């Protein structure tokens, strides 16, 4: 056997260079084709898919459902807000008797007491005192109601009539008595009423006045309280 090995086949350098050059050309063509596709904007299936950012850990973010009845945020409601209507303060309606006169004015009083009281009111006003009428002429129904309430309050008819007389004996129902206020007016009229013929009648009612004397003459002595006459 011979110790010589068969000679190796050698690839010509020119052929090797041509192979390498061909590979480079093919690779260049592939890359150029991909760039051309991106440049022209050919539609692909991947382009049709929306781009969604992934959540933590690569999972897609949760989908937030918006209620159809809830308006989109940022848009004002179309329903106008109505301001509340102001509450009207009820006014006090003066109490009127069956004769049509208000119990809080002097129009229903007898001509004598009405004339004298007007002069006294004017004089008191000049002294800085305001005389208010709290109860002038009353209806029979009002006097009866006051008497019933007084009987409940004081416990008997006799005790009640010291404050409220029955309608047929009441000077208020006849338009011959007037109750006044406030306290300063009671003090002023008790001191000066005789000048106008208006006097306080009872010790227990500093607000009750009647035409008991001639203007300019002293008032008669006061009674302790009213007394109902026996039938």
C-alpha atoms as a PDB file:
ATOM      1  CA  UNK A   1       0.000   0.000   0.000  1.00  0.00           C
ATOM      2  CA  UNK A   2       1.224   3.394  -0.722  1.00  0.00           C
ATOM      3  CA  UNK A   3       1.498   5.929   2.140  1.00  0.00           C
ATOM      4  CA  UNK A   4       0.515   8.836  -0.063  1.00  0.00           C
ATOM      5  CA  UNK A   5      -3.029  10.315   0.417  1.00  0.00           C
ATOM      6  CA  UNK A   6      -5.076  11.285  -2.567  1.00  0.00           C
ATOM      7  CA  UNK A   7      -4.832  14.955  -3.379  1.00  0.00           C
ATOM      8  CA  UNK A   8      -7.576  17.351  -1.974  1.00  0.00           C
ATOM      9  CA  UNK A   9      -9.948  18.996  -4.361  1.00  0.00           C
ATOM     10  CA  UNK A  10      -9.493  22.674  -4.311  1.00  0.00           C
ATOM     11  CA  UNK A  11     -12.307  25.099  -5.061  1.00  0.00           C
ATOM     12  CA  UNK A  12     -11.239  27.779  -7.353  1.00  0.00           C
ATOM     13  CA  UNK A  13     -11.098  31.172  -5.666  1.00  0.00           C
ATOM     14  CA  UNK A  14     -13.131  32.741  -8.405  1.00  0.00           C
ATOM     15  CA  UNK A  15     -16.023  30.370  -7.931  1.00  0.00           C
ATOM     16  CA  UNK A  16     -16.011  30.951  -4.158  1.00  0.00           C
ATOM     17  CA  UNK A  17     -16.127  34.687  -4.617  1.00  0.00           C
ATOM     18  CA  UNK A  18     -19.021  34.381  -7.019  1.00  0.00           C
ATOM     19  CA  UNK A  19     -20.981  32.281  -4.484  1.00  0.00           C
ATOM     20  CA  UNK A  20     -20.419  34.759  -1.691  1.00  0.00           C
ATOM     21  CA  UNK A  21     -21.354  37.656  -3.934  1.00  0.00           C
ATOM     22  CA  UNK A  22     -24.590  35.925  -4.947  1.00  0.00           C
ATOM     23  CA  UNK A  23     -25.611  35.407  -1.363  1.00  0.00           C
ATOM     24  CA  UNK A  24     -25.027  39.065  -0.570  1.00  0.00           C
ATOM     25  CA  UNK A  25     -27.086  40.116  -3.569  1.00  0.00           C
ATOM     26  CA  UNK A  26     -29.989  37.836  -2.587  1.00  0.00           C
ATOM     27  CA  UNK A  27     -29.953  39.158   0.982  1.00  0.00           C
ATOM     28  CA  UNK A  28     -29.933  42.745  -0.273  1.00  0.00           C
ATOM     29  CA  UNK A  29     -32.911  42.057  -2.521  1.00  0.00           C
ATOM     30  CA  UNK A  30     -34.888  40.594   0.368  1.00  0.00           C
ATOM     31  CA  UNK A  31     -34.207  43.594   2.580  1.00  0.00           C
ATOM     32  CA  UNK A  32     -35.041  46.026  -0.251  1.00  0.00           C
ATOM     33  CA  UNK A  33     -38.324  44.237  -0.899  1.00  0.00           C
ATOM     34  CA  UNK A  34     -39.365  44.518   2.789  1.00  0.00           C
ATOM     35  CA  UNK A  35     -38.547  48.223   2.855  1.00  0.00           C
ATOM     36  CA  UNK A  36     -40.489  48.741  -0.360  1.00  0.00           C
ATOM     37  CA  UNK A  37     -43.566  47.060   1.118  1.00  0.00           C
ATOM     38  CA  UNK A  38     -43.457  49.304   4.215  1.00  0.00           C
ATOM     39  CA  UNK A  39     -42.956  52.381   2.062  1.00  0.00           C
ATOM     40  CA  UNK A  40     -45.856  51.704  -0.300  1.00  0.00           C
ATOM     41  CA  UNK A  41     -48.169  50.672   2.618  1.00  0.00           C
ATOM     42  CA  UNK A  42     -49.482  47.340   1.357  1.00  0.00           C
ATOM     43  CA  UNK A  43     -52.457  46.167   3.513  1.00  0.00           C
ATOM     44  CA  UNK A  44     -51.651  43.158   5.651  1.00  0.00           C
ATOM     45  CA  UNK A  45     -53.646  41.283   8.219  1.00  0.00           C
ATOM     46  CA  UNK A  46     -51.460  42.664  10.988  1.00  0.00           C
ATOM     47  CA  UNK A  47     -52.315  46.239   9.966  1.00  0.00           C
ATOM     48  CA  UNK A  48     -55.982  45.499  10.395  1.00  0.00           C
ATOM     49  CA  UNK A  49     -55.585  44.636  14.078  1.00  0.00           C
ATOM     50  CA  UNK A  50     -55.910  47.518  16.595  1.00  0.00           C
ATOM     51  CA  UNK A  51     -52.902  48.394  18.662  1.00  0.00           C
ATOM     52  CA  UNK A  52     -53.677  47.538  22.292  1.00  0.00           C
ATOM     53  CA  UNK A  53     -51.297  48.283  25.093  1.00  0.00           C
ATOM     54  CA  UNK A  54     -50.736  45.357  27.359  1.00  0.00           C
ATOM     55  CA  UNK A  55     -51.399  45.497  31.044  1.00  0.00           C
ATOM     56  CA  UNK A  56     -49.231  44.252  33.903  1.00  0.00           C
ATOM     57  CA  UNK A  57     -47.536  40.988  33.048  1.00  0.00           C
ATOM     58  CA  UNK A  58     -48.324  41.335  29.370  1.00  0.00           C
ATOM     59  CA  UNK A  59     -52.068  40.762  29.795  1.00  0.00           C
ATOM     60  CA  UNK A  60     -54.471  43.068  27.941  1.00  0.00           C
ATOM     61  CA  UNK A  61     -56.043  45.874  30.038  1.00  0.00           C
ATOM     62  CA  UNK A  62     -59.596  45.329  31.316  1.00  0.00           C
ATOM     63  CA  UNK A  63     -62.449  46.599  29.186  1.00  0.00           C
ATOM     64  CA  UNK A  64     -64.531  49.307  30.967  1.00  0.00           C
ATOM     65  CA  UNK A  65     -68.184  49.170  30.008  1.00  0.00           C
ATOM     66  CA  UNK A  66     -69.984  52.516  29.842  1.00  0.00           C
ATOM     67  CA  UNK A  67     -73.661  52.536  30.742  1.00  0.00           C
ATOM     68  CA  UNK A  68     -75.894  53.902  28.016  1.00  0.00           C
ATOM     69  CA  UNK A  69     -77.947  55.819  30.579  1.00  0.00           C
ATOM     70  CA  UNK A  70     -74.887  57.565  32.010  1.00  0.00           C
ATOM     71  CA  UNK A  71     -73.854  60.677  30.047  1.00  0.00           C
ATOM     72  CA  UNK A  72     -70.214  60.862  28.938  1.00  0.00           C
ATOM     73  CA  UNK A  73     -67.942  62.520  31.504  1.00  0.00           C
ATOM     74  CA  UNK A  74     -67.267  66.176  30.996  1.00  0.00           C
ATOM     75  CA  UNK A  75     -70.609  66.949  29.346  1.00  0.00           C
ATOM     76  CA  UNK A  76     -73.066  69.010  31.428  1.00  0.00           C
ATOM     77  CA  UNK A  77     -76.548  67.651  32.056  1.00  0.00           C
ATOM     78  CA  UNK A  78     -79.199  69.102  29.790  1.00  0.00           C
ATOM     79  CA  UNK A  79     -81.800  69.159  32.589  1.00  0.00           C
ATOM     80  CA  UNK A  80     -81.905  72.746  33.961  1.00  0.00           C
ATOM     81  CA  UNK A  81     -81.710  73.199  37.719  1.00  0.00           C
ATOM     82  CA  UNK A  82     -84.716  75.116  39.011  1.00  0.00           C
ATOM     83  CA  UNK A  83     -84.242  77.361  42.005  1.00  0.00           C
ATOM     84  CA  UNK A  84     -86.757  76.834  44.843  1.00  0.00           C
ATOM     85  CA  UNK A  85     -89.668  79.206  44.911  1.00  0.00           C
ATOM     86  CA  UNK A  86     -89.536  81.705  47.773  1.00  0.00           C
ATOM     87  CA  UNK A  87     -91.875  80.888  50.595  1.00  0.00           C
ATOM     88  CA  UNK A  88     -94.507  83.518  51.056  1.00  0.00           C
ATOM     89  CA  UNK A  89     -94.939  84.796  54.577  1.00  0.00           C
ATOM     90  CA  UNK A  90     -98.613  84.647  55.477  1.00  0.00           C
ATOM     91  CA  UNK A  91    -100.081  87.920  56.596  1.00  0.00           C
ATOM     92  CA  UNK A  92    -102.347  88.137  59.578  1.00  0.00           C
ATOM     93  CA  UNK A  93    -105.956  88.772  58.651  1.00  0.00           C
ATOM     94  CA  UNK A  94    -107.689  91.175  61.050  1.00  0.00           C
ATOM     95  CA  UNK A  95    -110.533  89.655  63.060  1.00  0.00           C
ATOM     96  CA  UNK A  96    -113.870  91.066  61.932  1.00  0.00           C
ATOM     97  CA  UNK A  97    -117.134  91.040  63.856  1.00  0.00           C
ATOM     98  CA  UNK A  98    -120.543  90.199  62.397  1.00  0.00           C
ATOM     99  CA  UNK A  99    -121.082  93.936  61.824  1.00  0.00           C
ATOM    100  CA  UNK A 100    -118.137  94.011  59.430  1.00  0.00           C
ATOM    101  CA  UNK A 101    -115.746  95.990  61.646  1.00  0.00           C
ATOM    102  CA  UNK A 102    -112.244  94.812  62.478  1.00  0.00           C
ATOM    103  CA  UNK A 103    -111.657  94.036  66.133  1.00  0.00           C
ATOM    104  CA  UNK A 104    -108.226  95.693  65.859  1.00  0.00           C
ATOM    105  CA  UNK A 105    -109.466  99.186  64.879  1.00  0.00           C
ATOM    106  CA  UNK A 106    -111.811 101.796  66.370  1.00  0.00           C
ATOM    107  CA  UNK A 107    -114.297 102.089  63.505  1.00  0.00           C
ATOM    108  CA  UNK A 108    -116.801  99.782  65.210  1.00  0.00           C
ATOM    109  CA  UNK A 109    -116.801 101.700  68.502  1.00  0.00           C
ATOM    110  CA  UNK A 110    -119.578 104.034  69.596  1.00  0.00           C
ATOM    111  CA  UNK A 111    -119.235 107.585  68.169  1.00  0.00           C
ATOM    112  CA  UNK A 112    -118.470 109.041  71.612  1.00  0.00           C
ATOM    113  CA  UNK A 113    -115.698 106.598  72.494  1.00  0.00           C
ATOM    114  CA  UNK A 114    -114.272 106.624  68.951  1.00  0.00           C
ATOM    115  CA  UNK A 115    -113.954 110.435  68.870  1.00  0.00           C
ATOM    116  CA  UNK A 116    -112.382 110.664  72.319  1.00  0.00           C
ATOM    117  CA  UNK A 117    -109.974 107.817  71.679  1.00  0.00           C
ATOM    118  CA  UNK A 118    -108.724 109.351  68.426  1.00  0.00           C
ATOM    119  CA  UNK A 119    -107.803 112.542  70.263  1.00  0.00           C
ATOM    120  CA  UNK A 120    -106.019 110.547  72.944  1.00  0.00           C
ATOM    121  CA  UNK A 121    -104.092 108.515  70.335  1.00  0.00           C
ATOM    122  CA  UNK A 122    -102.921 111.740  68.642  1.00  0.00           C
ATOM    123  CA  UNK A 123    -101.778 113.247  71.938  1.00  0.00           C
ATOM    124  CA  UNK A 124     -99.965 110.073  72.958  1.00  0.00           C
ATOM    125  CA  UNK A 125     -98.149 109.983  69.628  1.00  0.00           C
ATOM    126  CA  UNK A 126     -96.918 113.536  70.241  1.00  0.00           C
ATOM    127  CA  UNK A 127     -95.440 112.264  73.522  1.00  0.00           C
ATOM    128  CA  UNK A 128     -93.703 109.401  71.699  1.00  0.00           C
ATOM    129  CA  UNK A 129     -96.177 106.713  72.805  1.00  0.00           C
ATOM    130  CA  UNK A 130     -98.000 104.474  70.341  1.00  0.00           C
ATOM    131  CA  UNK A 131    -101.416 103.162  71.369  1.00  0.00           C
ATOM    132  CA  UNK A 132    -102.330  99.867  69.680  1.00  0.00           C
ATOM    133  CA  UNK A 133    -105.870  98.489  69.628  1.00  0.00           C
ATOM    134  CA  UNK A 134    -105.887  94.809  70.649  1.00  0.00           C
ATOM    135  CA  UNK A 135    -109.666  94.357  70.975  1.00  0.00           C
ATOM    136  CA  UNK A 136    -112.396  96.887  70.244  1.00  0.00           C
ATOM    137  CA  UNK A 137    -115.891  95.845  69.202  1.00  0.00           C
ATOM    138  CA  UNK A 138    -116.517  92.085  69.395  1.00  0.00           C
ATOM    139  CA  UNK A 139    -119.147  89.832  67.926  1.00  0.00           C
ATOM    140  CA  UNK A 140    -121.527  87.852  70.127  1.00  0.00           C
ATOM    141  CA  UNK A 141    -119.919  84.621  68.933  1.00  0.00           C
ATOM    142  CA  UNK A 142    -116.444  85.852  69.910  1.00  0.00           C
ATOM    143  CA  UNK A 143    -117.644  86.961  73.370  1.00  0.00           C
ATOM    144  CA  UNK A 144    -119.323  83.609  73.997  1.00  0.00           C
ATOM    145  CA  UNK A 145    -116.151  81.756  73.002  1.00  0.00           C
ATOM    146  CA  UNK A 146    -114.041  83.900  75.337  1.00  0.00           C
ATOM    147  CA  UNK A 147    -116.480  83.247  78.177  1.00  0.00           C
ATOM    148  CA  UNK A 148    -116.348  79.463  77.664  1.00  0.00           C
ATOM    149  CA  UNK A 149    -112.557  79.554  77.649  1.00  0.00           C
ATOM    150  CA  UNK A 150    -112.543  81.655  80.838  1.00  0.00           C
ATOM    151  CA  UNK A 151    -114.839  79.162  82.616  1.00  0.00           C
ATOM    152  CA  UNK A 152    -112.406  76.358  81.773  1.00  0.00           C
ATOM    153  CA  UNK A 153    -109.442  78.461  82.870  1.00  0.00           C
ATOM    154  CA  UNK A 154    -110.856  79.801  86.165  1.00  0.00           C
ATOM    155  CA  UNK A 155    -113.032  76.838  87.078  1.00  0.00           C
ATOM    156  CA  UNK A 156    -116.457  78.459  87.433  1.00  0.00           C
ATOM    157  CA  UNK A 157    -118.846  80.870  85.762  1.00  0.00           C
ATOM    158  CA  UNK A 158    -118.624  83.352  88.642  1.00  0.00           C
ATOM    159  CA  UNK A 159    -114.833  83.459  88.551  1.00  0.00           C
ATOM    160  CA  UNK A 160    -114.797  83.675  84.748  1.00  0.00           C
ATOM    161  CA  UNK A 161    -117.149  86.686  84.636  1.00  0.00           C
ATOM    162  CA  UNK A 162    -114.660  88.710  86.626  1.00  0.00           C
ATOM    163  CA  UNK A 163    -112.708  88.792  83.379  1.00  0.00           C
ATOM    164  CA  UNK A 164    -115.253  88.112  80.631  1.00  0.00           C
ATOM    165  CA  UNK A 165    -118.893  89.139  80.840  1.00  0.00           C
ATOM    166  CA  UNK A 166    -121.659  87.391  78.871  1.00  0.00           C
ATOM    167  CA  UNK A 167    -122.432  88.999  75.484  1.00  0.00           C
ATOM    168  CA  UNK A 168    -125.626  90.732  76.625  1.00  0.00           C
ATOM    169  CA  UNK A 169    -123.669  92.552  79.392  1.00  0.00           C
ATOM    170  CA  UNK A 170    -120.366  93.132  77.602  1.00  0.00           C
ATOM    171  CA  UNK A 171    -119.345  96.706  76.760  1.00  0.00           C
ATOM    172  CA  UNK A 172    -117.150  95.246  73.976  1.00  0.00           C
ATOM    173  CA  UNK A 173    -120.151  93.784  72.169  1.00  0.00           C
ATOM    174  CA  UNK A 174    -121.898  97.180  72.448  1.00  0.00           C
ATOM    175  CA  UNK A 175    -118.841  98.988  71.059  1.00  0.00           C
ATOM    176  CA  UNK A 176    -118.379 100.928  74.330  1.00  0.00           C
ATOM    177  CA  UNK A 177    -115.052  99.425  75.494  1.00  0.00           C
ATOM    178  CA  UNK A 178    -111.565  99.004  74.069  1.00  0.00           C
ATOM    179  CA  UNK A 179    -108.494  96.995  75.075  1.00  0.00           C
ATOM    180  CA  UNK A 180    -105.113  98.569  74.249  1.00  0.00           C
ATOM    181  CA  UNK A 181    -101.394  97.817  74.332  1.00  0.00           C
ATOM    182  CA  UNK A 182     -98.502  97.822  74.909  1.00  0.00           C
ATOM    183  CA  UNK A 183     -97.682  98.448  78.566  1.00  0.00           C
ATOM    184  CA  UNK A 184     -96.392 101.993  77.932  1.00  0.00           C
ATOM    185  CA  UNK A 185     -99.690 102.873  76.240  1.00  0.00           C
ATOM    186  CA  UNK A 186    -101.687 101.529  79.204  1.00  0.00           C
ATOM    187  CA  UNK A 187     -99.661 103.668  81.613  1.00  0.00           C
ATOM    188  CA  UNK A 188     -99.994 106.796  79.458  1.00  0.00           C
ATOM    189  CA  UNK A 189    -103.763 106.475  78.912  1.00  0.00           C
ATOM    190  CA  UNK A 190    -104.406 105.653  82.580  1.00  0.00           C
ATOM    191  CA  UNK A 191    -102.595 108.863  83.518  1.00  0.00           C
ATOM    192  CA  UNK A 192    -103.899 111.171  80.765  1.00  0.00           C
ATOM    193  CA  UNK A 193    -107.143 109.603  79.555  1.00  0.00           C
ATOM    194  CA  UNK A 194    -109.357 111.761  81.778  1.00  0.00           C
ATOM    195  CA  UNK A 195    -108.358 114.801  79.686  1.00  0.00           C
ATOM    196  CA  UNK A 196    -110.236 113.164  76.780  1.00  0.00           C
ATOM    197  CA  UNK A 197    -113.007 111.503  78.808  1.00  0.00           C
ATOM    198  CA  UNK A 198    -111.439 107.972  78.538  1.00  0.00           C
ATOM    199  CA  UNK A 199    -110.923 106.012  81.757  1.00  0.00           C
ATOM    200  CA  UNK A 200    -109.602 102.652  82.969  1.00  0.00           C
ATOM    201  CA  UNK A 201    -112.539 100.823  84.561  1.00  0.00           C
ATOM    202  CA  UNK A 202    -111.178  97.721  86.401  1.00  0.00           C
ATOM    203  CA  UNK A 203    -108.216  97.141  88.713  1.00  0.00           C
ATOM    204  CA  UNK A 204    -107.561  93.669  87.292  1.00  0.00           C
ATOM    205  CA  UNK A 205    -107.567  94.823  83.632  1.00  0.00           C
ATOM    206  CA  UNK A 206    -105.034  97.617  83.009  1.00  0.00           C
ATOM    207  CA  UNK A 207    -105.743  97.375  79.264  1.00  0.00           C
ATOM    208  CA  UNK A 208    -109.555  97.974  79.420  1.00  0.00           C
ATOM    209  CA  UNK A 209    -110.851 101.555  78.865  1.00  0.00           C
ATOM    210  CA  UNK A 210    -114.293 103.121  78.470  1.00  0.00           C
ATOM    211  CA  UNK A 211    -115.766 106.644  78.039  1.00  0.00           C
ATOM    212  CA  UNK A 212    -116.738 107.118  81.711  1.00  0.00           C
ATOM    213  CA  UNK A 213    -116.369 110.856  82.279  1.00  0.00           C
ATOM    214  CA  UNK A 214    -116.664 114.218  80.615  1.00  0.00           C
ATOM    215  CA  UNK A 215    -113.400 115.316  78.954  1.00  0.00           C
ATOM    216  CA  UNK A 216    -111.376 117.350  81.434  1.00  0.00           C
ATOM    217  CA  UNK A 217    -112.954 115.809  84.561  1.00  0.00           C
ATOM    218  CA  UNK A 218    -111.362 113.169  86.762  1.00  0.00           C
ATOM    219  CA  UNK A 219    -112.277 109.541  86.184  1.00  0.00           C
ATOM    220  CA  UNK A 220    -114.507 107.735  88.692  1.00  0.00           C
ATOM    221  CA  UNK A 221    -113.002 105.280  91.147  1.00  0.00           C
ATOM    222  CA  UNK A 222    -112.047 101.986  89.570  1.00  0.00           C
ATOM    223  CA  UNK A 223    -113.924  98.760  90.207  1.00  0.00           C
ATOM    224  CA  UNK A 224    -112.025  95.713  91.433  1.00  0.00           C
ATOM    225  CA  UNK A 225    -113.270  93.562  88.570  1.00  0.00           C
ATOM    226  CA  UNK A 226    -116.329  93.029  86.399  1.00  0.00           C
ATOM    227  CA  UNK A 227    -119.439  91.544  87.956  1.00  0.00           C
ATOM    228  CA  UNK A 228    -122.106  89.723  85.956  1.00  0.00           C
ATOM    229  CA  UNK A 229    -125.621  90.857  86.718  1.00  0.00           C
ATOM    230  CA  UNK A 230    -128.096  88.254  87.867  1.00  0.00           C
ATOM    231  CA  UNK A 231    -130.800  87.343  85.400  1.00  0.00           C
END
